[in-house]
Amino acid sequence: MTRDRWIGDDTPPQPGPEPPGLAFDDFYHAQFRRLVVQLTAYTGDPGRAQDLVQEALCRAYENWVRIVG
């Protein structure tokens, strides 16, 4: 759902049902540590790496139906 469809309405869209296949929770738990380790090596800052991974995974969650669909 695009933002344009709910402008003026106080309730943002909720994620729809997950399509068959990889559940977001499974993806998150399988990838979080690996991504933090890689970004820590790149940034040299574990806290910054965790923040970046969290932001990326939040964005992935918002678009999960399109990503796996």
N, C-alpha and C. Protein backbone atom coordinates (compact mmCIF):
# COMPACT_ATOMS: atom_id res chain seq x y z
N MET A 1 0.86 -1.16 0.00
CA MET A 1 0.00 0.00 0.00
C MET A 1 0.91 1.23 0.00
N THR A 2 0.58 2.16 -0.82
CA THR A 2 1.40 3.35 -0.89
C THR A 2 0.93 4.37 0.12
N ARG A 3 1.82 5.28 0.45
CA ARG A 3 1.48 6.33 1.41
C ARG A 3 0.30 7.15 0.92
N ASP A 4 0.20 7.39 -0.39
CA ASP A 4 -0.88 8.20 -0.94
C ASP A 4 -2.26 7.65 -0.60
N ARG A 5 -2.35 6.35 -0.40
CA ARG A 5 -3.66 5.75 -0.15
C ARG A 5 -4.14 5.99 1.27
N TRP A 6 -3.26 6.40 2.18
CA TRP A 6 -3.74 6.61 3.54
C TRP A 6 -3.50 8.01 4.07
N ILE A 7 -3.03 8.92 3.22
CA ILE A 7 -2.89 10.31 3.66
C ILE A 7 -4.27 10.83 4.04
N GLY A 8 -4.35 11.49 5.19
CA GLY A 8 -5.63 11.99 5.67
C GLY A 8 -6.29 11.02 6.63
N ASP A 9 -5.91 9.78 6.57
CA ASP A 9 -6.40 8.79 7.51
C ASP A 9 -5.37 8.68 8.62
N ASP A 10 -5.80 8.58 9.86
CA ASP A 10 -4.87 8.54 10.98
C ASP A 10 -4.19 7.20 11.18
N THR A 11 -4.64 6.17 10.51
CA THR A 11 -4.06 4.85 10.73
C THR A 11 -3.19 4.46 9.54
N PRO A 12 -1.91 4.19 9.79
CA PRO A 12 -1.03 3.74 8.71
C PRO A 12 -1.38 2.32 8.31
N PRO A 13 -0.98 1.91 7.13
CA PRO A 13 -1.28 0.56 6.68
C PRO A 13 -0.56 -0.47 7.55
N GLN A 14 -1.19 -1.59 7.75
CA GLN A 14 -0.59 -2.69 8.49
C GLN A 14 -0.04 -3.70 7.49
N PRO A 15 1.06 -4.38 7.85
CA PRO A 15 1.56 -5.39 6.94
C PRO A 15 0.50 -6.45 6.68
N GLY A 16 0.40 -6.88 5.46
CA GLY A 16 -0.56 -7.91 5.10
C GLY A 16 -0.07 -9.27 5.53
N PRO A 17 -0.82 -10.30 5.22
CA PRO A 17 -0.38 -11.64 5.59
C PRO A 17 0.91 -11.97 4.84
N GLU A 18 1.78 -12.70 5.52
CA GLU A 18 3.04 -13.07 4.86
C GLU A 18 2.74 -14.11 3.79
N PRO A 19 3.35 -13.94 2.63
CA PRO A 19 3.18 -14.95 1.59
C PRO A 19 3.88 -16.24 1.99
N PRO A 20 3.52 -17.34 1.35
CA PRO A 20 4.20 -18.59 1.66
C PRO A 20 5.69 -18.43 1.38
N GLY A 21 6.48 -19.12 2.12
CA GLY A 21 7.93 -19.02 1.93
C GLY A 21 8.59 -18.54 3.21
N LEU A 22 9.63 -17.78 3.05
CA LEU A 22 10.43 -17.34 4.17
C LEU A 22 9.70 -16.32 5.04
N ALA A 23 9.54 -16.63 6.32
CA ALA A 23 8.94 -15.70 7.27
C ALA A 23 9.97 -14.66 7.65
N PHE A 24 9.52 -13.44 7.91
CA PHE A 24 10.45 -12.38 8.25
C PHE A 24 11.27 -12.72 9.50
N ASP A 25 10.62 -13.28 10.51
CA ASP A 25 11.35 -13.63 11.74
C ASP A 25 12.50 -14.58 11.46
N ASP A 26 12.26 -15.56 10.60
CA ASP A 26 13.32 -16.50 10.24
C ASP A 26 14.47 -15.78 9.53
N PHE A 27 14.11 -14.91 8.61
CA PHE A 27 15.12 -14.13 7.89
C PHE A 27 15.93 -13.27 8.85
N TYR A 28 15.23 -12.58 9.75
CA TYR A 28 15.88 -11.70 10.70
C TYR A 28 16.90 -12.46 11.54
N HIS A 29 16.47 -13.57 12.12
CA HIS A 29 17.36 -14.33 13.00
C HIS A 29 18.50 -14.99 12.23
N ALA A 30 18.27 -15.32 11.00
CA ALA A 30 19.34 -15.93 10.19
C ALA A 30 20.37 -14.93 9.73
N GLN A 31 20.00 -13.65 9.56
CA GLN A 31 20.89 -12.68 8.95
C GLN A 31 21.45 -11.61 9.88
N PHE A 32 20.79 -11.33 10.99
CA PHE A 32 21.17 -10.19 11.82
C PHE A 32 22.64 -10.23 12.23
N ARG A 33 23.06 -11.29 12.86
CA ARG A 33 24.44 -11.37 13.36
C ARG A 33 25.45 -11.26 12.23
N ARG A 34 25.21 -11.97 11.14
CA ARG A 34 26.13 -11.94 10.00
C ARG A 34 26.28 -10.52 9.46
N LEU A 35 25.17 -9.82 9.33
CA LEU A 35 25.22 -8.46 8.82
C LEU A 35 25.92 -7.51 9.79
N VAL A 36 25.68 -7.68 11.09
CA VAL A 36 26.35 -6.83 12.07
C VAL A 36 27.86 -7.06 12.03
N VAL A 37 28.28 -8.31 11.93
CA VAL A 37 29.72 -8.61 11.86
C VAL A 37 30.33 -7.97 10.62
N GLN A 38 29.67 -8.08 9.48
CA GLN A 38 30.20 -7.49 8.25
C GLN A 38 30.28 -5.97 8.34
N LEU A 39 29.23 -5.36 8.85
CA LEU A 39 29.24 -3.90 8.94
C LEU A 39 30.17 -3.38 10.04
N THR A 40 30.39 -4.18 11.08
CA THR A 40 31.38 -3.80 12.08
C THR A 40 32.76 -3.77 11.45
N ALA A 41 33.06 -4.75 10.62
CA ALA A 41 34.35 -4.77 9.92
C ALA A 41 34.47 -3.55 9.00
N TYR A 42 33.38 -3.16 8.39
CA TYR A 42 33.40 -2.03 7.46
C TYR A 42 33.47 -0.69 8.19
N THR A 43 32.67 -0.54 9.24
CA THR A 43 32.60 0.75 9.94
C THR A 43 33.59 0.88 11.10
N GLY A 44 33.98 -0.25 11.68
CA GLY A 44 34.84 -0.22 12.85
C GLY A 44 34.10 0.12 14.13
N ASP A 45 32.78 0.20 14.07
CA ASP A 45 31.97 0.60 15.23
C ASP A 45 30.79 -0.36 15.37
N PRO A 46 30.84 -1.28 16.35
CA PRO A 46 29.75 -2.25 16.51
C PRO A 46 28.37 -1.62 16.75
N GLY A 47 28.33 -0.54 17.51
CA GLY A 47 27.04 0.13 17.76
C GLY A 47 26.45 0.70 16.49
N ARG A 48 27.29 1.34 15.71
CA ARG A 48 26.84 1.91 14.42
C ARG A 48 26.38 0.79 13.49
N ALA A 49 27.13 -0.32 13.49
CA ALA A 49 26.77 -1.46 12.65
C ALA A 49 25.39 -1.99 13.03
N GLN A 50 25.12 -2.13 14.32
CA GLN A 50 23.80 -2.62 14.75
C GLN A 50 22.70 -1.65 14.34
N ASP A 51 22.95 -0.36 14.48
CA ASP A 51 21.95 0.64 14.06
C ASP A 51 21.66 0.53 12.58
N LEU A 52 22.69 0.37 11.77
CA LEU A 52 22.50 0.27 10.33
C LEU A 52 21.71 -0.99 9.95
N VAL A 53 22.05 -2.09 10.60
CA VAL A 53 21.34 -3.35 10.30
C VAL A 53 19.89 -3.24 10.75
N GLN A 54 19.65 -2.66 11.93
CA GLN A 54 18.26 -2.50 12.39
C GLN A 54 17.46 -1.65 11.41
N GLU A 55 18.04 -0.56 10.95
CA GLU A 55 17.34 0.31 9.99
C GLU A 55 17.03 -0.44 8.70
N ALA A 56 18.01 -1.17 8.21
CA ALA A 56 17.81 -1.93 6.97
C ALA A 56 16.72 -2.99 7.15
N LEU A 57 16.74 -3.68 8.28
CA LEU A 57 15.73 -4.72 8.50
C LEU A 57 14.35 -4.13 8.75
N CYS A 58 14.27 -2.96 9.35
CA CYS A 58 12.96 -2.28 9.50
C CYS A 58 12.39 -1.95 8.12
N ARG A 59 13.25 -1.47 7.25
CA ARG A 59 12.78 -1.16 5.89
C ARG A 59 12.39 -2.42 5.14
N ALA A 60 13.14 -3.48 5.35
CA ALA A 60 12.79 -4.76 4.71
C ALA A 60 11.43 -5.24 5.22
N TYR A 61 11.18 -5.12 6.52
CA TYR A 61 9.91 -5.56 7.08
C TYR A 61 8.73 -4.80 6.47
N GLU A 62 8.91 -3.51 6.29
CA GLU A 62 7.84 -2.70 5.70
C GLU A 62 7.49 -3.15 4.29
N ASN A 63 8.45 -3.73 3.59
CA ASN A 63 8.26 -4.14 2.20
C ASN A 63 8.34 -5.66 2.02
N TRP A 64 8.19 -6.40 3.09
CA TRP A 64 8.43 -7.85 3.07
C TRP A 64 7.56 -8.58 2.04
N VAL A 65 6.32 -8.20 1.92
CA VAL A 65 5.42 -8.88 0.97
C VAL A 65 5.96 -8.74 -0.45
N ARG A 66 6.46 -7.56 -0.79
CA ARG A 66 7.04 -7.36 -2.13
C ARG A 66 8.37 -8.08 -2.28
N ILE A 67 9.17 -8.12 -1.23
CA ILE A 67 10.49 -8.73 -1.31
C ILE A 67 10.39 -10.23 -1.56
N VAL A 68 9.54 -10.92 -0.84
CA VAL A 68 9.45 -12.37 -1.00
C VAL A 68 8.37 -12.80 -1.99
N GLY A 69 7.56 -11.86 -2.40
CA GLY A 69 6.43 -12.19 -3.28
C GLY A 69 6.76 -12.35 -4.68
